[in-house]
Amino acid sequence: MDVNDLRVIVTVLSFVTFIGIWAWAWSRKNRERFEEAAQLPFRDE
């Protein structure tokens, strides 16, 4: 295993992780929770 192979593996794993986080953040089931969190600074309790 060459150092370049390790670099390719780390790059691919990082990309897959990024896509996973992106898909989680934009999923419909999280929308309501994120909308509520976005309004927290504007609430006057």
PDB file of N, CA and C in Angstrom:
ATOM      1  N   MET A   1       0.853  -1.184   0.000  1.00  0.00           N
ATOM      2  CA  MET A   1       0.000   0.000   0.000  1.00  0.00           C
ATOM      3  C   MET A   1       0.889   1.234   0.000  1.00  0.00           C
ATOM      4  N   ASP A   2       0.666   2.051  -0.976  1.00  0.00           N
ATOM      5  CA  ASP A   2       1.432   3.281  -1.159  1.00  0.00           C
ATOM      6  C   ASP A   2       0.740   4.424  -0.406  1.00  0.00           C
ATOM      7  N   VAL A   3       1.482   5.476  -0.132  1.00  0.00           N
ATOM      8  CA  VAL A   3       0.899   6.630   0.553  1.00  0.00           C
ATOM      9  C   VAL A   3      -0.194   7.269  -0.294  1.00  0.00           C
ATOM     10  N   ASN A   4      -0.079   7.190  -1.599  1.00  0.00           N
ATOM     11  CA  ASN A   4      -1.110   7.741  -2.480  1.00  0.00           C
ATOM     12  C   ASN A   4      -2.411   6.947  -2.377  1.00  0.00           C
ATOM     13  N   ASP A   5      -2.317   5.640  -2.164  1.00  0.00           N
ATOM     14  CA  ASP A   5      -3.517   4.832  -1.953  1.00  0.00           C
ATOM     15  C   ASP A   5      -4.239   5.288  -0.690  1.00  0.00           C
ATOM     16  N   LEU A   6      -3.488   5.568   0.355  1.00  0.00           N
ATOM     17  CA  LEU A   6      -4.068   6.043   1.600  1.00  0.00           C
ATOM     18  C   LEU A   6      -4.747   7.400   1.391  1.00  0.00           C
ATOM     19  N   ARG A   7      -4.126   8.260   0.626  1.00  0.00           N
ATOM     20  CA  ARG A   7      -4.716   9.568   0.336  1.00  0.00           C
ATOM     21  C   ARG A   7      -6.032   9.431  -0.426  1.00  0.00           C
ATOM     22  N   VAL A   8      -6.083   8.512  -1.375  1.00  0.00           N
ATOM     23  CA  VAL A   8      -7.306   8.284  -2.141  1.00  0.00           C
ATOM     24  C   VAL A   8      -8.398   7.750  -1.220  1.00  0.00           C
ATOM     25  N   ILE A   9      -8.069   6.821  -0.355  1.00  0.00           N
ATOM     26  CA  ILE A   9      -9.048   6.251   0.568  1.00  0.00           C
ATOM     27  C   ILE A   9      -9.597   7.325   1.496  1.00  0.00           C
ATOM     28  N   VAL A  10      -8.731   8.167   2.049  1.00  0.00           N
ATOM     29  CA  VAL A  10      -9.170   9.234   2.945  1.00  0.00           C
ATOM     30  C   VAL A  10     -10.033  10.236   2.198  1.00  0.00           C
ATOM     31  N   THR A  11      -9.685  10.566   0.979  1.00  0.00           N
ATOM     32  CA  THR A  11     -10.477  11.504   0.186  1.00  0.00           C
ATOM     33  C   THR A  11     -11.862  10.945  -0.100  1.00  0.00           C
ATOM     34  N   VAL A  12     -11.938   9.695  -0.491  1.00  0.00           N
ATOM     35  CA  VAL A  12     -13.236   9.074  -0.787  1.00  0.00           C
ATOM     36  C   VAL A  12     -14.082   8.976   0.475  1.00  0.00           C
ATOM     37  N   LEU A  13     -13.498   8.578   1.589  1.00  0.00           N
ATOM     38  CA  LEU A  13     -14.243   8.501   2.851  1.00  0.00           C
ATOM     39  C   LEU A  13     -14.732   9.876   3.287  1.00  0.00           C
ATOM     40  N   SER A  14     -13.923  10.900   3.096  1.00  0.00           N
ATOM     41  CA  SER A  14     -14.339  12.259   3.440  1.00  0.00           C
ATOM     42  C   SER A  14     -15.504  12.710   2.569  1.00  0.00           C
ATOM     43  N   PHE A  15     -15.455  12.395   1.301  1.00  0.00           N
ATOM     44  CA  PHE A  15     -16.533  12.757   0.387  1.00  0.00           C
ATOM     45  C   PHE A  15     -17.828  12.037   0.750  1.00  0.00           C
ATOM     46  N   VAL A  16     -17.739  10.763   1.051  1.00  0.00           N
ATOM     47  CA  VAL A  16     -18.915   9.988   1.441  1.00  0.00           C
ATOM     48  C   VAL A  16     -19.503  10.538   2.739  1.00  0.00           C
ATOM     49  N   THR A  17     -18.646  10.904   3.688  1.00  0.00           N
ATOM     50  CA  THR A  17     -19.115  11.499   4.935  1.00  0.00           C
ATOM     51  C   THR A  17     -19.812  12.822   4.670  1.00  0.00           C
ATOM     52  N   PHE A  18     -19.244  13.650   3.817  1.00  0.00           N
ATOM     53  CA  PHE A  18     -19.855  14.930   3.464  1.00  0.00           C
ATOM     54  C   PHE A  18     -21.229  14.725   2.845  1.00  0.00           C
ATOM     55  N   ILE A  19     -21.359  13.806   1.915  1.00  0.00           N
ATOM     56  CA  ILE A  19     -22.647  13.536   1.273  1.00  0.00           C
ATOM     57  C   ILE A  19     -23.650  13.022   2.301  1.00  0.00           C
ATOM     58  N   GLY A  20     -23.203  12.193   3.236  1.00  0.00           N
ATOM     59  CA  GLY A  20     -24.092  11.698   4.283  1.00  0.00           C
ATOM     60  C   GLY A  20     -24.607  12.810   5.173  1.00  0.00           C
ATOM     61  N   ILE A  21     -23.736  13.717   5.575  1.00  0.00           N
ATOM     62  CA  ILE A  21     -24.153  14.852   6.406  1.00  0.00           C
ATOM     63  C   ILE A  21     -25.086  15.765   5.623  1.00  0.00           C
ATOM     64  N   TRP A  22     -24.793  15.986   4.367  1.00  0.00           N
ATOM     65  CA  TRP A  22     -25.640  16.826   3.523  1.00  0.00           C
ATOM     66  C   TRP A  22     -27.029  16.215   3.384  1.00  0.00           C
ATOM     67  N   ALA A  23     -27.102  14.912   3.150  1.00  0.00           N
ATOM     68  CA  ALA A  23     -28.397  14.241   3.004  1.00  0.00           C
ATOM     69  C   ALA A  23     -29.176  14.294   4.315  1.00  0.00           C
ATOM     70  N   TRP A  24     -28.509  14.140   5.445  1.00  0.00           N
ATOM     71  CA  TRP A  24     -29.169  14.196   6.745  1.00  0.00           C
ATOM     72  C   TRP A  24     -29.730  15.599   7.001  1.00  0.00           C
ATOM     73  N   ALA A  25     -28.939  16.610   6.683  1.00  0.00           N
ATOM     74  CA  ALA A  25     -29.366  17.983   6.944  1.00  0.00           C
ATOM     75  C   ALA A  25     -30.543  18.393   6.065  1.00  0.00           C
ATOM     76  N   TRP A  26     -30.656  17.865   4.870  1.00  0.00           N
ATOM     77  CA  TRP A  26     -31.727  18.250   3.955  1.00  0.00           C
ATOM     78  C   TRP A  26     -32.883  17.259   3.931  1.00  0.00           C
ATOM     79  N   SER A  27     -32.872  16.256   4.817  1.00  0.00           N
ATOM     80  CA  SER A  27     -33.963  15.281   4.811  1.00  0.00           C
ATOM     81  C   SER A  27     -35.247  15.927   5.329  1.00  0.00           C
ATOM     82  N   ARG A  28     -36.359  15.482   4.832  1.00  0.00           N
ATOM     83  CA  ARG A  28     -37.655  16.067   5.180  1.00  0.00           C
ATOM     84  C   ARG A  28     -38.010  15.843   6.639  1.00  0.00           C
ATOM     85  N   LYS A  29     -37.583  14.741   7.224  1.00  0.00           N
ATOM     86  CA  LYS A  29     -37.969  14.458   8.607  1.00  0.00           C
ATOM     87  C   LYS A  29     -37.272  15.384   9.606  1.00  0.00           C
ATOM     88  N   ASN A  30     -36.190  16.042   9.211  1.00  0.00           N
ATOM     89  CA  ASN A  30     -35.502  16.979  10.091  1.00  0.00           C
ATOM     90  C   ASN A  30     -35.941  18.427   9.891  1.00  0.00           C
ATOM     91  N   ARG A  31     -36.741  18.674   8.888  1.00  0.00           N
ATOM     92  CA  ARG A  31     -37.109  20.053   8.531  1.00  0.00           C
ATOM     93  C   ARG A  31     -37.790  20.780   9.687  1.00  0.00           C
ATOM     94  N   GLU A  32     -38.768  20.150  10.326  1.00  0.00           N
ATOM     95  CA  GLU A  32     -39.508  20.813  11.405  1.00  0.00           C
ATOM     96  C   GLU A  32     -38.575  21.172  12.566  1.00  0.00           C
ATOM     97  N   ARG A  33     -37.700  20.264  12.914  1.00  0.00           N
ATOM     98  CA  ARG A  33     -36.770  20.521  14.015  1.00  0.00           C
ATOM     99  C   ARG A  33     -35.811  21.659  13.682  1.00  0.00           C
ATOM    100  N   PHE A  34     -35.328  21.706  12.455  1.00  0.00           N
ATOM    101  CA  PHE A  34     -34.407  22.768  12.057  1.00  0.00           C
ATOM    102  C   PHE A  34     -35.125  24.113  11.953  1.00  0.00           C
ATOM    103  N   GLU A  35     -36.376  24.108  11.484  1.00  0.00           N
ATOM    104  CA  GLU A  35     -37.157  25.347  11.426  1.00  0.00           C
ATOM    105  C   GLU A  35     -37.350  25.910  12.830  1.00  0.00           C
ATOM    106  N   GLU A  36     -37.645  25.040  13.776  1.00  0.00           N
ATOM    107  CA  GLU A  36     -37.824  25.482  15.164  1.00  0.00           C
ATOM    108  C   GLU A  36     -36.514  26.043  15.724  1.00  0.00           C
ATOM    109  N   ALA A  37     -35.405  25.375  15.454  1.00  0.00           N
ATOM    110  CA  ALA A  37     -34.109  25.847  15.940  1.00  0.00           C
ATOM    111  C   ALA A  37     -33.725  27.180  15.304  1.00  0.00           C
ATOM    112  N   ALA A  38     -34.126  27.391  14.060  1.00  0.00           N
ATOM    113  CA  ALA A  38     -33.799  28.644  13.379  1.00  0.00           C
ATOM    114  C   ALA A  38     -34.537  29.827  13.989  1.00  0.00           C
ATOM    115  N   GLN A  39     -35.686  29.573  14.609  1.00  0.00           N
ATOM    116  CA  GLN A  39     -36.477  30.658  15.202  1.00  0.00           C
ATOM    117  C   GLN A  39     -36.104  30.958  16.649  1.00  0.00           C
ATOM    118  N   LEU A  40     -35.267  30.162  17.259  1.00  0.00           N
ATOM    119  CA  LEU A  40     -34.905  30.358  18.663  1.00  0.00           C
ATOM    120  C   LEU A  40     -34.355  31.748  18.974  1.00  0.00           C
ATOM    121  N   PRO A  41     -33.483  32.335  18.163  1.00  0.00           N
ATOM    122  CA  PRO A  41     -32.968  33.661  18.494  1.00  0.00           C
ATOM    123  C   PRO A  41     -34.034  34.763  18.493  1.00  0.00           C
ATOM    124  N   PHE A  42     -35.143  34.524  17.818  1.00  0.00           N
ATOM    125  CA  PHE A  42     -36.162  35.552  17.672  1.00  0.00           C
ATOM    126  C   PHE A  42     -37.278  35.427  18.714  1.00  0.00           C
ATOM    127  N   ARG A  43     -37.257  34.379  19.493  1.00  0.00           N
ATOM    128  CA  ARG A  43     -38.305  34.184  20.499  1.00  0.00           C
ATOM    129  C   ARG A  43     -38.063  35.095  21.688  1.00  0.00           C
ATOM    130  N   ASP A  44     -39.125  35.641  22.191  1.00  0.00           N
ATOM    131  CA  ASP A  44     -39.027  36.535  23.355  1.00  0.00           C
ATOM    132  C   ASP A  44     -39.795  35.882  24.496  1.00  0.00           C
ATOM    133  N   GLU A  45     -39.058  35.228  25.372  1.00  0.00           N
ATOM    134  CA  GLU A  45     -39.721  34.516  26.468  1.00  0.00           C
ATOM    135  C   GLU A  45     -39.599  35.264  27.759  1.00  0.00           C
TER     136      GLU A  45
END
